[in-house]
Amino acid sequence: MVYYIIKVLISAILIVAISEISKRSSLVGSIFASIPLLSLMAFVWMYIDTKDVHKIADLSSGIFWLVIPSLSFFILFPVLLRKGMNFYLSLVLSTLVMVLLYFGMIYLLKKCGVNL
């Protein structure tokens, strides 16, 4: 149980730290947020838990393919905000487009024989 609490605390501290850094500097916050911290933490936690490097390699490959549709969010969201759309509506619409593209990518990968 202590191990899970430590994992949650480290993860939460990183998220809060990036949020606080972003308030002071968009550039520095962007750099930290663009580092795949969540993926890196998942790799470390999986390795500590399982020592299964093949599962970690599979996870890494899956992340690579699914980053592509996630980029749509970072293109559409600022465009909608700059056009004057409400923050929450921009957030929801950008997320919906991203989710649809996730499904499309998963469909395409399965059709091409790539296992996720």
Protein backbone atom coordinates (compact mmCIF):
# COMPACT_ATOMS: atom_id res chain seq x y z
CA MET A 1 0.00 0.00 0.00
CA VAL A 2 2.84 2.39 0.83
CA TYR A 3 4.33 1.75 -2.61
CA TYR A 4 1.10 2.88 -4.32
CA ILE A 5 0.91 5.99 -2.16
CA ILE A 6 4.51 6.85 -3.13
CA LYS A 7 3.66 6.37 -6.83
CA VAL A 8 0.60 8.62 -6.54
CA LEU A 9 2.50 11.29 -4.61
CA ILE A 10 5.40 11.42 -7.07
CA SER A 11 2.98 11.58 -10.01
CA ALA A 12 0.87 14.29 -8.38
CA ILE A 13 3.92 16.36 -7.41
CA LEU A 14 5.17 16.32 -11.01
CA ILE A 15 1.79 17.44 -12.36
CA VAL A 16 1.46 20.25 -9.80
CA ALA A 17 5.07 21.34 -10.39
CA ILE A 18 4.51 21.63 -14.15
CA SER A 19 1.31 23.58 -13.56
CA GLU A 20 3.07 26.01 -11.22
CA ILE A 21 6.07 26.40 -13.53
CA SER A 22 3.69 27.11 -16.44
CA LYS A 23 2.15 30.02 -14.50
CA ARG A 24 5.57 31.69 -14.37
CA SER A 25 6.87 30.78 -17.84
CA SER A 26 4.89 29.35 -20.74
CA LEU A 27 8.11 28.32 -22.46
CA VAL A 28 9.57 26.41 -19.51
CA GLY A 29 6.15 24.92 -18.70
CA SER A 30 5.77 23.84 -22.32
CA ILE A 31 9.17 22.18 -22.31
CA PHE A 32 8.39 20.23 -19.14
CA ALA A 33 4.86 19.36 -20.28
CA SER A 34 6.12 18.14 -23.65
CA ILE A 35 8.50 15.67 -22.02
CA PRO A 36 6.60 12.39 -21.90
CA LEU A 37 6.71 12.28 -18.09
CA LEU A 38 3.62 10.12 -17.82
CA SER A 39 5.13 7.60 -20.23
CA LEU A 40 8.50 7.69 -18.46
CA MET A 41 6.84 7.14 -15.09
CA ALA A 42 4.78 4.25 -16.54
CA PHE A 43 7.97 2.65 -17.90
CA VAL A 44 9.75 2.97 -14.55
CA TRP A 45 6.77 1.75 -12.49
CA MET A 46 6.22 -1.20 -14.89
CA TYR A 47 9.89 -2.13 -14.76
CA ILE A 48 9.97 -1.96 -10.97
CA ASP A 49 6.74 -3.99 -10.76
CA THR A 50 7.36 -6.62 -13.48
CA LYS A 51 10.91 -6.39 -14.88
CA ASP A 52 9.20 -7.32 -18.19
CA VAL A 53 11.06 -5.30 -20.82
CA HIS A 54 8.96 -6.80 -23.63
CA LYS A 55 5.75 -5.35 -22.15
CA ILE A 56 7.50 -2.01 -21.75
CA ALA A 57 8.65 -2.16 -25.38
CA ASP A 58 5.07 -2.93 -26.47
CA LEU A 59 3.79 -0.02 -24.40
CA SER A 60 6.38 2.28 -25.92
CA SER A 61 5.41 1.26 -29.46
CA GLY A 62 1.73 1.75 -28.69
CA ILE A 63 2.42 5.19 -27.27
CA PHE A 64 4.32 6.14 -30.42
CA TRP A 65 1.38 5.33 -32.68
CA LEU A 66 -1.18 6.96 -30.41
CA VAL A 67 0.77 10.20 -29.99
CA ILE A 68 -0.09 10.98 -33.60
CA PRO A 69 -3.86 11.44 -33.02
CA SER A 70 -3.20 13.21 -29.72
CA LEU A 71 -1.37 15.96 -31.60
CA SER A 72 -4.72 17.03 -33.09
CA PHE A 73 -5.69 18.34 -29.66
CA PHE A 74 -2.67 20.64 -29.51
CA ILE A 75 -3.44 21.97 -32.97
CA LEU A 76 -7.19 22.47 -32.60
CA PHE A 77 -7.40 23.69 -28.98
CA PRO A 78 -5.32 26.89 -29.38
CA VAL A 79 -6.98 27.64 -32.73
CA LEU A 80 -10.44 27.52 -31.14
CA LEU A 81 -9.31 29.63 -28.17
CA ARG A 82 -7.76 32.26 -30.44
CA LYS A 83 -10.98 32.37 -32.48
CA GLY A 84 -12.73 33.45 -29.27
CA MET A 85 -14.50 30.19 -28.47
CA ASN A 86 -15.33 29.51 -24.83
CA PHE A 87 -12.54 27.67 -22.96
CA TYR A 88 -14.64 24.70 -21.88
CA LEU A 89 -16.29 24.30 -25.28
CA SER A 90 -12.85 24.46 -26.96
CA LEU A 91 -11.57 21.87 -24.51
CA VAL A 92 -14.50 19.52 -25.11
CA LEU A 93 -14.46 19.87 -28.91
CA SER A 94 -10.70 19.37 -29.11
CA THR A 95 -10.94 16.33 -26.88
CA LEU A 96 -13.79 14.84 -28.93
CA VAL A 97 -11.84 15.26 -32.17
CA MET A 98 -8.80 13.67 -30.53
CA VAL A 99 -10.84 10.71 -29.26
CA LEU A 100 -12.37 10.16 -32.71
CA LEU A 101 -8.90 10.20 -34.22
CA TYR A 102 -7.74 7.69 -31.57
CA PHE A 103 -10.48 5.32 -32.68
CA GLY A 104 -9.52 5.92 -36.30
CA MET A 105 -5.84 5.23 -35.60
CA ILE A 106 -6.64 2.06 -33.64
CA TYR A 107 -8.86 0.87 -36.50
CA LEU A 108 -6.14 1.64 -39.05
CA LEU A 109 -3.42 -0.07 -37.01
CA LYS A 110 -5.55 -3.21 -36.58
CA LYS A 111 -6.28 -3.20 -40.31
CA CYS A 112 -2.51 -3.03 -40.98
CA GLY A 113 -1.83 -5.87 -38.52
CA VAL A 114 -0.20 -3.77 -35.79
CA ASN A 115 -1.05 -5.13 -32.34
CA LEU A 116 -1.57 -2.69 -29.51
